[in-house]
Amino acid sequence: MRSLILDAGSLRHELVLQSATPLPDGLGGHAESWSEVGSLFGLIEPLAANSVVSADQTLETITHRITIRRRDGVRSGMRFVKGTRVFAIVTVHDPDETGRYLVCRAKEEQ
């Protein structure tokens, strides 16, 4: 497998990594509270945009590939925030198994 080679300048988008904490709502359910895990830089690449119309509603999904330098603890269920944009992490993997980068497939939340 070939190594992933990235120009360091391509990791130029400042992102905030967040993790969800469930909070009891007092009625047997829970609400999510998002807390900042850290700030990092990454490369955001749009992959696809889909629009589905069903029951008089339009559901749009925008998927992205976000590449970051390796960081322990990044997993699906977390999210990246860039300004007002929120990217829910769906998958995380090391593209060339060198331990240098992580590639996250993410879904932009609207």
PDB file of N, CA and C in Angstrom:
ATOM      1  N   MET A   1       0.847  -1.169   0.000  1.00  0.00           N
ATOM      2  CA  MET A   1       0.000   0.000   0.000  1.00  0.00           C
ATOM      3  C   MET A   1       0.894   1.233   0.000  1.00  0.00           C
ATOM      4  N   ARG A   2       0.570   2.197  -0.839  1.00  0.00           N
ATOM      5  CA  ARG A   2       1.353   3.425  -0.911  1.00  0.00           C
ATOM      6  C   ARG A   2       1.024   4.336   0.258  1.00  0.00           C
ATOM      7  N   SER A   3       2.020   5.101   0.687  1.00  0.00           N
ATOM      8  CA  SER A   3       1.798   6.065   1.763  1.00  0.00           C
ATOM      9  C   SER A   3       1.019   7.263   1.264  1.00  0.00           C
ATOM     10  N   LEU A   4       0.232   7.788   2.143  1.00  0.00           N
ATOM     11  CA  LEU A   4      -0.503   9.009   1.856  1.00  0.00           C
ATOM     12  C   LEU A   4       0.459  10.174   2.013  1.00  0.00           C
ATOM     13  N   ILE A   5       0.600  10.982   0.970  1.00  0.00           N
ATOM     14  CA  ILE A   5       1.483  12.140   1.019  1.00  0.00           C
ATOM     15  C   ILE A   5       0.620  13.386   0.919  1.00  0.00           C
ATOM     16  N   LEU A   6       0.701  14.224   1.942  1.00  0.00           N
ATOM     17  CA  LEU A   6      -0.072  15.460   1.983  1.00  0.00           C
ATOM     18  C   LEU A   6       0.868  16.639   2.153  1.00  0.00           C
ATOM     19  N   ASP A   7       0.551  17.728   1.486  1.00  0.00           N
ATOM     20  CA  ASP A   7       1.242  18.979   1.717  1.00  0.00           C
ATOM     21  C   ASP A   7       0.741  19.505   3.062  1.00  0.00           C
ATOM     22  N   ALA A   8       1.657  19.845   3.952  1.00  0.00           N
ATOM     23  CA  ALA A   8       1.251  20.306   5.287  1.00  0.00           C
ATOM     24  C   ALA A   8       0.335  21.517   5.217  1.00  0.00           C
ATOM     25  N   GLY A   9       0.467  22.341   4.180  1.00  0.00           N
ATOM     26  CA  GLY A   9      -0.375  23.519   4.026  1.00  0.00           C
ATOM     27  C   GLY A   9      -1.819  23.196   3.684  1.00  0.00           C
ATOM     28  N   SER A  10      -2.078  21.961   3.249  1.00  0.00           N
ATOM     29  CA  SER A  10      -3.458  21.602   2.907  1.00  0.00           C
ATOM     30  C   SER A  10      -4.318  21.379   4.153  1.00  0.00           C
ATOM     31  N   LEU A  11      -3.692  21.172   5.300  1.00  0.00           N
ATOM     32  CA  LEU A  11      -4.429  21.013   6.565  1.00  0.00           C
ATOM     33  C   LEU A  11      -4.651  22.408   7.148  1.00  0.00           C
ATOM     34  N   ARG A  12      -5.477  23.204   6.480  1.00  0.00           N
ATOM     35  CA  ARG A  12      -5.599  24.619   6.821  1.00  0.00           C
ATOM     36  C   ARG A  12      -6.925  25.013   7.467  1.00  0.00           C
ATOM     37  N   HIS A  13      -7.843  24.106   7.576  1.00  0.00           N
ATOM     38  CA  HIS A  13      -9.146  24.429   8.175  1.00  0.00           C
ATOM     39  C   HIS A  13      -9.095  24.176   9.676  1.00  0.00           C
ATOM     40  N   GLU A  14      -9.328  25.223  10.464  1.00  0.00           N
ATOM     41  CA  GLU A  14      -9.316  25.045  11.918  1.00  0.00           C
ATOM     42  C   GLU A  14     -10.641  24.430  12.346  1.00  0.00           C
ATOM     43  N   LEU A  15     -10.563  23.320  13.054  1.00  0.00           N
ATOM     44  CA  LEU A  15     -11.734  22.554  13.472  1.00  0.00           C
ATOM     45  C   LEU A  15     -11.729  22.378  14.982  1.00  0.00           C
ATOM     46  N   VAL A  16     -12.929  22.322  15.547  1.00  0.00           N
ATOM     47  CA  VAL A  16     -13.081  21.997  16.963  1.00  0.00           C
ATOM     48  C   VAL A  16     -13.658  20.592  17.025  1.00  0.00           C
ATOM     49  N   LEU A  17     -12.986  19.699  17.722  1.00  0.00           N
ATOM     50  CA  LEU A  17     -13.464  18.334  17.915  1.00  0.00           C
ATOM     51  C   LEU A  17     -14.324  18.315  19.167  1.00  0.00           C
ATOM     52  N   GLN A  18     -15.549  17.767  19.044  1.00  0.00           N
ATOM     53  CA  GLN A  18     -16.469  17.725  20.175  1.00  0.00           C
ATOM     54  C   GLN A  18     -16.949  16.306  20.430  1.00  0.00           C
ATOM     55  N   SER A  19     -17.272  16.045  21.683  1.00  0.00           N
ATOM     56  CA  SER A  19     -17.794  14.747  22.112  1.00  0.00           C
ATOM     57  C   SER A  19     -19.122  14.969  22.831  1.00  0.00           C
ATOM     58  N   ALA A  20     -20.058  14.037  22.635  1.00  0.00           N
ATOM     59  CA  ALA A  20     -21.384  14.161  23.257  1.00  0.00           C
ATOM     60  C   ALA A  20     -21.408  13.505  24.629  1.00  0.00           C
ATOM     61  N   THR A  21     -22.109  14.158  25.539  1.00  0.00           N
ATOM     62  CA  THR A  21     -22.346  13.606  26.869  1.00  0.00           C
ATOM     63  C   THR A  21     -23.853  13.582  27.091  1.00  0.00           C
ATOM     64  N   PRO A  22     -24.427  12.397  27.375  1.00  0.00           N
ATOM     65  CA  PRO A  22     -25.876  12.357  27.621  1.00  0.00           C
ATOM     66  C   PRO A  22     -26.212  12.952  28.996  1.00  0.00           C
ATOM     67  N   LEU A  23     -27.230  13.794  29.015  1.00  0.00           N
ATOM     68  CA  LEU A  23     -27.697  14.392  30.264  1.00  0.00           C
ATOM     69  C   LEU A  23     -29.131  13.943  30.508  1.00  0.00           C
ATOM     70  N   PRO A  24     -29.460  13.424  31.698  1.00  0.00           N
ATOM     71  CA  PRO A  24     -30.833  13.014  31.973  1.00  0.00           C
ATOM     72  C   PRO A  24     -31.776  14.213  31.887  1.00  0.00           C
ATOM     73  N   ASP A  25     -32.935  13.993  31.288  1.00  0.00           N
ATOM     74  CA  ASP A  25     -33.894  15.091  31.153  1.00  0.00           C
ATOM     75  C   ASP A  25     -34.953  15.079  32.261  1.00  0.00           C
ATOM     76  N   GLY A  26     -34.859  14.140  33.199  1.00  0.00           N
ATOM     77  CA  GLY A  26     -35.796  14.074  34.306  1.00  0.00           C
ATOM     78  C   GLY A  26     -37.071  13.299  34.011  1.00  0.00           C
ATOM     79  N   LEU A  27     -37.243  12.886  32.744  1.00  0.00           N
ATOM     80  CA  LEU A  27     -38.444  12.142  32.362  1.00  0.00           C
ATOM     81  C   LEU A  27     -38.102  10.744  31.861  1.00  0.00           C
ATOM     82  N   GLY A  28     -36.902  10.275  32.174  1.00  0.00           N
ATOM     83  CA  GLY A  28     -36.479   8.945  31.752  1.00  0.00           C
ATOM     84  C   GLY A  28     -35.696   8.937  30.454  1.00  0.00           C
ATOM     85  N   GLY A  29     -35.615  10.052  29.798  1.00  0.00           N
ATOM     86  CA  GLY A  29     -34.842  10.153  28.558  1.00  0.00           C
ATOM     87  C   GLY A  29     -33.552  10.911  28.803  1.00  0.00           C
ATOM     88  N   HIS A  30     -32.959  11.396  27.728  1.00  0.00           N
ATOM     89  CA  HIS A  30     -31.744  12.188  27.884  1.00  0.00           C
ATOM     90  C   HIS A  30     -31.605  13.193  26.740  1.00  0.00           C
ATOM     91  N   ALA A  31     -30.849  14.211  26.993  1.00  0.00           N
ATOM     92  CA  ALA A  31     -30.487  15.202  25.985  1.00  0.00           C
ATOM     93  C   ALA A  31     -28.978  15.125  25.823  1.00  0.00           C
ATOM     94  N   GLU A  32     -28.467  15.610  24.689  1.00  0.00           N
ATOM     95  CA  GLU A  32     -27.023  15.581  24.471  1.00  0.00           C
ATOM     96  C   GLU A  32     -26.425  16.950  24.768  1.00  0.00           C
ATOM     97  N   SER A  33     -25.300  16.921  25.430  1.00  0.00           N
ATOM     98  CA  SER A  33     -24.525  18.127  25.658  1.00  0.00           C
ATOM     99  C   SER A  33     -23.176  17.906  24.987  1.00  0.00           C
ATOM    100  N   TRP A  34     -22.766  18.827  24.133  1.00  0.00           N
ATOM    101  CA  TRP A  34     -21.504  18.679  23.406  1.00  0.00           C
ATOM    102  C   TRP A  34     -20.418  19.468  24.118  1.00  0.00           C
ATOM    103  N   SER A  35     -19.275  18.811  24.334  1.00  0.00           N
ATOM    104  CA  SER A  35     -18.154  19.485  24.979  1.00  0.00           C
ATOM    105  C   SER A  35     -16.925  19.400  24.076  1.00  0.00           C
ATOM    106  N   GLU A  36     -16.115  20.444  24.127  1.00  0.00           N
ATOM    107  CA  GLU A  36     -14.926  20.530  23.289  1.00  0.00           C
ATOM    108  C   GLU A  36     -13.848  19.588  23.799  1.00  0.00           C
ATOM    109  N   VAL A  37     -13.311  18.779  22.886  1.00  0.00           N
ATOM    110  CA  VAL A  37     -12.218  17.864  23.205  1.00  0.00           C
ATOM    111  C   VAL A  37     -10.893  18.527  22.864  1.00  0.00           C
ATOM    112  N   GLY A  38     -10.879  19.280  21.769  1.00  0.00           N
ATOM    113  CA  GLY A  38      -9.656  19.951  21.355  1.00  0.00           C
ATOM    114  C   GLY A  38      -9.849  20.695  20.053  1.00  0.00           C
ATOM    115  N   SER A  39      -8.834  21.470  19.697  1.00  0.00           N
ATOM    116  CA  SER A  39      -8.824  22.221  18.450  1.00  0.00           C
ATOM    117  C   SER A  39      -7.714  21.659  17.585  1.00  0.00           C
ATOM    118  N   LEU A  40      -7.975  21.521  16.283  1.00  0.00           N
ATOM    119  CA  LEU A  40      -6.985  20.954  15.375  1.00  0.00           C
ATOM    120  C   LEU A  40      -7.188  21.501  13.975  1.00  0.00           C
ATOM    121  N   PHE A  41      -6.254  21.177  13.085  1.00  0.00           N
ATOM    122  CA  PHE A  41      -6.350  21.614  11.697  1.00  0.00           C
ATOM    123  C   PHE A  41      -6.533  20.404  10.805  1.00  0.00           C
ATOM    124  N   GLY A  42      -7.329  20.567   9.750  1.00  0.00           N
ATOM    125  CA  GLY A  42      -7.594  19.455   8.853  1.00  0.00           C
ATOM    126  C   GLY A  42      -7.893  19.917   7.444  1.00  0.00           C
ATOM    127  N   LEU A  43      -8.009  18.954   6.558  1.00  0.00           N
ATOM    128  CA  LEU A  43      -8.370  19.165   5.160  1.00  0.00           C
ATOM    129  C   LEU A  43      -9.799  18.684   4.977  1.00  0.00           C
ATOM    130  N   ILE A  44     -10.690  19.573   4.512  1.00  0.00           N
ATOM    131  CA  ILE A  44     -12.095  19.221   4.287  1.00  0.00           C
ATOM    132  C   ILE A  44     -12.320  19.096   2.789  1.00  0.00           C
ATOM    133  N   GLU A  45     -12.775  17.913   2.355  1.00  0.00           N
ATOM    134  CA  GLU A  45     -13.058  17.672   0.941  1.00  0.00           C
ATOM    135  C   GLU A  45     -14.503  17.206   0.791  1.00  0.00           C
ATOM    136  N   PRO A  46     -15.335  17.942   0.035  1.00  0.00           N
ATOM    137  CA  PRO A  46     -16.704  17.475  -0.202  1.00  0.00           C
ATOM    138  C   PRO A  46     -16.691  16.266  -1.129  1.00  0.00           C
ATOM    139  N   LEU A  47     -17.537  15.282  -0.831  1.00  0.00           N
ATOM    140  CA  LEU A  47     -17.599  14.061  -1.640  1.00  0.00           C
ATOM    141  C   LEU A  47     -18.892  13.947  -2.418  1.00  0.00           C
ATOM    142  N   ALA A  48     -20.024  14.173  -1.764  1.00  0.00           N
ATOM    143  CA  ALA A  48     -21.310  13.989  -2.436  1.00  0.00           C
ATOM    144  C   ALA A  48     -22.383  14.804  -1.743  1.00  0.00           C
ATOM    145  N   ALA A  49     -23.408  15.120  -2.512  1.00  0.00           N
ATOM    146  CA  ALA A  49     -24.581  15.787  -1.957  1.00  0.00           C
ATOM    147  C   ALA A  49     -25.807  15.080  -2.509  1.00  0.00           C
ATOM    148  N   ASN A  50     -26.704  14.673  -1.639  1.00  0.00           N
ATOM    149  CA  ASN A  50     -27.916  13.967  -2.040  1.00  0.00           C
ATOM    150  C   ASN A  50     -29.128  14.702  -1.497  1.00  0.00           C
ATOM    151  N   SER A  51     -30.193  14.687  -2.277  1.00  0.00           N
ATOM    152  CA  SER A  51     -31.438  15.291  -1.854  1.00  0.00           C
ATOM    153  C   SER A  51     -32.555  14.282  -2.116  1.00  0.00           C
ATOM    154  N   VAL A  52     -33.306  13.953  -1.075  1.00  0.00           N
ATOM    155  CA  VAL A  52     -34.389  12.989  -1.187  1.00  0.00           C
ATOM    156  C   VAL A  52     -35.679  13.673  -0.753  1.00  0.00           C
ATOM    157  N   VAL A  53     -36.702  13.581  -1.592  1.00  0.00           N
ATOM    158  CA  VAL A  53     -38.004  14.158  -1.256  1.00  0.00           C
ATOM    159  C   VAL A  53     -38.929  13.018  -0.856  1.00  0.00           C
ATOM    160  N   SER A  54     -39.478  13.129   0.351  1.00  0.00           N
ATOM    161  CA  SER A  54     -40.360  12.095   0.856  1.00  0.00           C
ATOM    162  C   SER A  54     -41.352  12.741   1.810  1.00  0.00           C
ATOM    163  N   ALA A  55     -42.614  12.412   1.655  1.00  0.00           N
ATOM    164  CA  ALA A  55     -43.680  12.912   2.526  1.00  0.00           C
ATOM    165  C   ALA A  55     -43.644  14.433   2.643  1.00  0.00           C
ATOM    166  N   ASP A  56     -43.507  15.092   1.500  1.00  0.00           N
ATOM    167  CA  ASP A  56     -43.481  16.557   1.419  1.00  0.00           C
ATOM    168  C   ASP A  56     -42.339  17.186   2.212  1.00  0.00           C
ATOM    169  N   GLN A  57     -41.260  16.441   2.401  1.00  0.00           N
ATOM    170  CA  GLN A  57     -40.068  16.964   3.058  1.00  0.00           C
ATOM    171  C   GLN A  57     -38.868  16.691   2.177  1.00  0.00           C
ATOM    172  N   THR A  58     -37.937  17.615   2.183  1.00  0.00           N
ATOM    173  CA  THR A  58     -36.681  17.408   1.463  1.00  0.00           C
ATOM    174  C   THR A  58     -35.598  17.121   2.489  1.00  0.00           C
ATOM    175  N   LEU A  59     -34.979  15.962   2.376  1.00  0.00           N
ATOM    176  CA  LEU A  59     -33.885  15.580   3.256  1.00  0.00           C
ATOM    177  C   LEU A  59     -32.584  15.655   2.460  1.00  0.00           C
ATOM    178  N   GLU A  60     -31.677  16.514   2.906  1.00  0.00           N
ATOM    179  CA  GLU A  60     -30.417  16.677   2.203  1.00  0.00           C
ATOM    180  C   GLU A  60     -29.286  16.108   3.031  1.00  0.00           C
ATOM    181  N   THR A  61     -28.391  15.398   2.369  1.00  0.00           N
ATOM    182  CA  THR A  61     -27.215  14.832   3.009  1.00  0.00           C
ATOM    183  C   THR A  61     -25.995  15.292   2.245  1.00  0.00           C
ATOM    184  N   ILE A  62     -25.059  15.864   2.956  1.00  0.00           N
ATOM    185  CA  ILE A  62     -23.806  16.278   2.340  1.00  0.00           C
ATOM    186  C   ILE A  62     -22.692  15.524   3.050  1.00  0.00           C
ATOM    187  N   THR A  63     -21.890  14.798   2.287  1.00  0.00           N
ATOM    188  CA  THR A  63     -20.823  14.013   2.895  1.00  0.00           C
ATOM    189  C   THR A  63     -19.465  14.621   2.566  1.00  0.00           C
ATOM    190  N   HIS A  64     -18.555  14.477   3.497  1.00  0.00           N
ATOM    191  CA  HIS A  64     -17.217  15.028   3.355  1.00  0.00           C
ATOM    192  C   HIS A  64     -16.176  14.016   3.835  1.00  0.00           C
ATOM    193  N   ARG A  65     -14.970  14.209   3.324  1.00  0.00           N
ATOM    194  CA  ARG A  65     -13.805  13.483   3.829  1.00  0.00           C
ATOM    195  C   ARG A  65     -12.959  14.535   4.536  1.00  0.00           C
ATOM    196  N   ILE A  66     -12.656  14.296   5.805  1.00  0.00           N
ATOM    197  CA  ILE A  66     -11.860  15.231   6.593  1.00  0.00           C
ATOM    198  C   ILE A  66     -10.598  14.503   7.037  1.00  0.00           C
ATOM    199  N   THR A  67      -9.453  15.027   6.616  1.00  0.00           N
ATOM    200  CA  THR A  67      -8.165  14.428   6.952  1.00  0.00           C
ATOM    201  C   THR A  67      -7.491  15.280   8.016  1.00  0.00           C
ATOM    202  N   ILE A  68      -7.048  14.624   9.094  1.00  0.00           N
ATOM    203  CA  ILE A  68      -6.364  15.314  10.193  1.00  0.00           C
ATOM    204  C   ILE A  68      -5.085  14.558  10.536  1.00  0.00           C
ATOM    205  N   ARG A  69      -4.194  15.218  11.255  1.00  0.00           N
ATOM    206  CA  ARG A  69      -3.043  14.487  11.801  1.00  0.00           C
ATOM    207  C   ARG A  69      -3.569  13.543  12.873  1.00  0.00           C
ATOM    208  N   ARG A  70      -2.901  12.405  13.030  1.00  0.00           N
ATOM    209  CA  ARG A  70      -3.367  11.402  13.980  1.00  0.00           C
ATOM    210  C   ARG A  70      -3.541  11.995  15.370  1.00  0.00           C
ATOM    211  N   ARG A  71      -4.634  11.630  15.977  1.00  0.00           N
ATOM    212  CA  ARG A  71      -4.950  12.063  17.339  1.00  0.00           C
ATOM    213  C   ARG A  71      -5.686  10.918  18.009  1.00  0.00           C
ATOM    214  N   ASP A  72      -5.256  10.526  19.176  1.00  0.00           N
ATOM    215  CA  ASP A  72      -5.926   9.451  19.901  1.00  0.00           C
ATOM    216  C   ASP A  72      -7.309   9.890  20.350  1.00  0.00           C
ATOM    217  N   GLY A  73      -8.243   8.957  20.361  1.00  0.00           N
ATOM    218  CA  GLY A  73      -9.572   9.212  20.885  1.00  0.00           C
ATOM    219  C   GLY A  73     -10.596   9.677  19.873  1.00  0.00           C
ATOM    220  N   VAL A  74     -10.212   9.906  18.615  1.00  0.00           N
ATOM    221  CA  VAL A  74     -11.183  10.325  17.604  1.00  0.00           C
ATOM    222  C   VAL A  74     -11.969   9.088  17.175  1.00  0.00           C
ATOM    223  N   ARG A  75     -13.300   9.164  17.229  1.00  0.00           N
ATOM    224  CA  ARG A  75     -14.128   8.002  16.907  1.00  0.00           C
ATOM    225  C   ARG A  75     -15.461   8.448  16.319  1.00  0.00           C
ATOM    226  N   SER A  76     -16.162   7.508  15.729  1.00  0.00           N
ATOM    227  CA  SER A  76     -17.494   7.828  15.200  1.00  0.00           C
ATOM    228  C   SER A  76     -18.396   8.234  16.362  1.00  0.00           C
ATOM    229  N   GLY A  77     -19.357   9.099  16.071  1.00  0.00           N
ATOM    230  CA  GLY A  77     -20.230   9.618  17.108  1.00  0.00           C
ATOM    231  C   GLY A  77     -19.783  10.979  17.615  1.00  0.00           C
ATOM    232  N   MET A  78     -18.530  11.349  17.337  1.00  0.00           N
ATOM    233  CA  MET A  78     -18.041  12.678  17.690  1.00  0.00           C
ATOM    234  C   MET A  78     -18.365  13.608  16.520  1.00  0.00           C
ATOM    235  N   ARG A  79     -17.972  14.863  16.627  1.00  0.00           N
ATOM    236  CA  ARG A  79     -18.212  15.784  15.526  1.00  0.00           C
ATOM    237  C   ARG A  79     -17.125  16.855  15.466  1.00  0.00           C
ATOM    238  N   PHE A  80     -16.988  17.424  14.266  1.00  0.00           N
ATOM    239  CA  PHE A  80     -16.118  18.572  14.049  1.00  0.00           C
ATOM    240  C   PHE A  80     -17.009  19.795  13.866  1.00  0.00           C
ATOM    241  N   VAL A  81     -16.573  20.935  14.372  1.00  0.00           N
ATOM    242  CA  VAL A  81     -17.294  22.188  14.176  1.00  0.00           C
ATOM    243  C   VAL A  81     -16.317  23.182  13.556  1.00  0.00           C
ATOM    244  N   LYS A  82     -16.770  23.831  12.487  1.00  0.00           N
ATOM    245  CA  LYS A  82     -15.991  24.886  11.826  1.00  0.00           C
ATOM    246  C   LYS A  82     -16.924  26.075  11.653  1.00  0.00           C
ATOM    247  N   GLY A  83     -16.802  27.047  12.529  1.00  0.00           N
ATOM    248  CA  GLY A  83     -17.717  28.194  12.503  1.00  0.00           C
ATOM    249  C   GLY A  83     -19.133  27.738  12.813  1.00  0.00           C
ATOM    250  N   THR A  84     -20.048  27.949  11.843  1.00  0.00           N
ATOM    251  CA  THR A  84     -21.441  27.530  12.039  1.00  0.00           C
ATOM    252  C   THR A  84     -21.713  26.156  11.438  1.00  0.00           C
ATOM    253  N   ARG A  85     -20.708  25.561  10.807  1.00  0.00           N
ATOM    254  CA  ARG A  85     -20.888  24.249  10.169  1.00  0.00           C
ATOM    255  C   ARG A  85     -20.554  23.134  11.150  1.00  0.00           C
ATOM    256  N   VAL A  86     -21.342  22.056  11.095  1.00  0.00           N
ATOM    257  CA  VAL A  86     -21.151  20.907  11.986  1.00  0.00           C
ATOM    258  C   VAL A  86     -21.032  19.652  11.125  1.00  0.00           C
ATOM    259  N   PHE A  87     -19.983  18.856  11.375  1.00  0.00           N
ATOM    260  CA  PHE A  87     -19.731  17.629  10.628  1.00  0.00           C
ATOM    261  C   PHE A  87     -19.761  16.444  11.596  1.00  0.00           C
ATOM    262  N   ALA A  88     -20.773  15.596  11.488  1.00  0.00           N
ATOM    263  CA  ALA A  88     -20.888  14.398  12.331  1.00  0.00           C
ATOM    264  C   ALA A  88     -19.973  13.319  11.775  1.00  0.00           C
ATOM    265  N   ILE A  89     -19.086  12.789  12.602  1.00  0.00           N
ATOM    266  CA  ILE A  89     -18.130  11.773  12.163  1.00  0.00           C
ATOM    267  C   ILE A  89     -18.845  10.425  12.068  1.00  0.00           C
ATOM    268  N   VAL A  90     -18.765   9.808  10.882  1.00  0.00           N
ATOM    269  CA  VAL A  90     -19.397   8.516  10.635  1.00  0.00           C
ATOM    270  C   VAL A  90     -18.377   7.388  10.750  1.00  0.00           C
ATOM    271  N   THR A  91     -17.206   7.545  10.111  1.00  0.00           N
ATOM    272  CA  THR A  91     -16.140   6.538  10.193  1.00  0.00           C
ATOM    273  C   THR A  91     -14.791   7.224  10.372  1.00  0.00           C
ATOM    274  N   VAL A  92     -13.855   6.490  10.970  1.00  0.00           N
ATOM    275  CA  VAL A  92     -12.484   6.977  11.167  1.00  0.00           C
ATOM    276  C   VAL A  92     -11.541   5.846  10.795  1.00  0.00           C
ATOM    277  N   HIS A  93     -10.531   6.147   9.953  1.00  0.00           N
ATOM    278  CA  HIS A  93      -9.540   5.122   9.648  1.00  0.00           C
ATOM    279  C   HIS A  93      -8.191   5.749   9.323  1.00  0.00           C
ATOM    280  N   ASP A  94      -7.136   4.949   9.464  1.00  0.00           N
ATOM    281  CA  ASP A  94      -5.767   5.328   9.118  1.00  0.00           C
ATOM    282  C   ASP A  94      -5.563   4.877   7.669  1.00  0.00           C
ATOM    283  N   PRO A  95      -5.450   5.809   6.711  1.00  0.00           N
ATOM    284  CA  PRO A  95      -5.479   5.436   5.299  1.00  0.00           C
ATOM    285  C   PRO A  95      -4.314   4.572   4.824  1.00  0.00           C
ATOM    286  N   ASP A  96      -3.137   4.727   5.412  1.00  0.00           N
ATOM    287  CA  ASP A  96      -1.992   3.942   4.958  1.00  0.00           C
ATOM    288  C   ASP A  96      -1.308   3.178   6.095  1.00  0.00           C
ATOM    289  N   GLU A  97      -1.943   3.158   7.263  1.00  0.00           N
ATOM    290  CA  GLU A  97      -1.481   2.426   8.437  1.00  0.00           C
ATOM    291  C   GLU A  97      -0.075   2.822   8.881  1.00  0.00           C
ATOM    292  N   THR A  98       0.255   4.109   8.701  1.00  0.00           N
ATOM    293  CA  THR A  98       1.549   4.616   9.157  1.00  0.00           C
ATOM    294  C   THR A  98       1.422   5.366  10.479  1.00  0.00           C
ATOM    295  N   GLY A  99       0.181   5.628  10.902  1.00  0.00           N
ATOM    296  CA  GLY A  99      -0.030   6.343  12.153  1.00  0.00           C
ATOM    297  C   GLY A  99       0.193   7.839  12.048  1.00  0.00           C
ATOM    298  N   ARG A 100       0.234   8.377  10.814  1.00  0.00           N
ATOM    299  CA  ARG A 100       0.467   9.813  10.640  1.00  0.00           C
ATOM    300  C   ARG A 100      -0.823  10.608  10.505  1.00  0.00           C
ATOM    301  N   TYR A 101      -1.812  10.040   9.824  1.00  0.00           N
ATOM    302  CA  TYR A 101      -3.051  10.756   9.543  1.00  0.00           C
ATOM    303  C   TYR A 101      -4.263   9.892   9.886  1.00  0.00           C
ATOM    304  N   LEU A 102      -5.395  10.567  10.078  1.00  0.00           N
ATOM    305  CA  LEU A 102      -6.689   9.895  10.182  1.00  0.00           C
ATOM    306  C   LEU A 102      -7.601  10.511   9.131  1.00  0.00           C
ATOM    307  N   VAL A 103      -8.368   9.661   8.453  1.00  0.00           N
ATOM    308  CA  VAL A 103      -9.350  10.124   7.490  1.00  0.00           C
ATOM    309  C   VAL A 103     -10.726   9.824   8.085  1.00  0.00           C
ATOM    310  N   CYS A 104     -11.522  10.875   8.213  1.00  0.00           N
ATOM    311  CA  CYS A 104     -12.858  10.760   8.788  1.00  0.00           C
ATOM    312  C   CYS A 104     -13.884  11.002   7.691  1.00  0.00           C
ATOM    313  N   ARG A 105     -14.830  10.098   7.533  1.00  0.00           N
ATOM    314  CA  ARG A 105     -15.987  10.346   6.666  1.00  0.00           C
ATOM    315  C   ARG A 105     -17.010  11.015   7.564  1.00  0.00           C
ATOM    316  N   ALA A 106     -17.533  12.145   7.107  1.00  0.00           N
ATOM    317  CA  ALA A 106     -18.446  12.910   7.939  1.00  0.00           C
ATOM    318  C   ALA A 106     -19.659  13.360   7.152  1.00  0.00           C
ATOM    319  N   LYS A 107     -20.735  13.567   7.872  1.00  0.00           N
ATOM    320  CA  LYS A 107     -21.987  14.033   7.282  1.00  0.00           C
ATOM    321  C   LYS A 107     -22.241  15.431   7.845  1.00  0.00           C
ATOM    322  N   GLU A 108     -22.398  16.414   6.937  1.00  0.00           N
ATOM    323  CA  GLU A 108     -22.670  17.768   7.394  1.00  0.00           C
ATOM    324  C   GLU A 108     -24.105  17.862   7.875  1.00  0.00           C
ATOM    325  N   GLU A 109     -24.272  18.390   9.090  1.00  0.00           N
ATOM    326  CA  GLU A 109     -25.599  18.550   9.656  1.00  0.00           C
ATOM    327  C   GLU A 109     -26.134  19.909   9.290  1.00  0.00           C
ATOM    328  N   GLN A 110     -27.437  19.957   8.997  1.00  0.00           N
ATOM    329  CA  GLN A 110     -28.041  21.219   8.559  1.00  0.00           C
ATOM    330  C   GLN A 110     -28.989  21.750   9.594  1.00  0.00           C
TER     331      GLN A 110
END
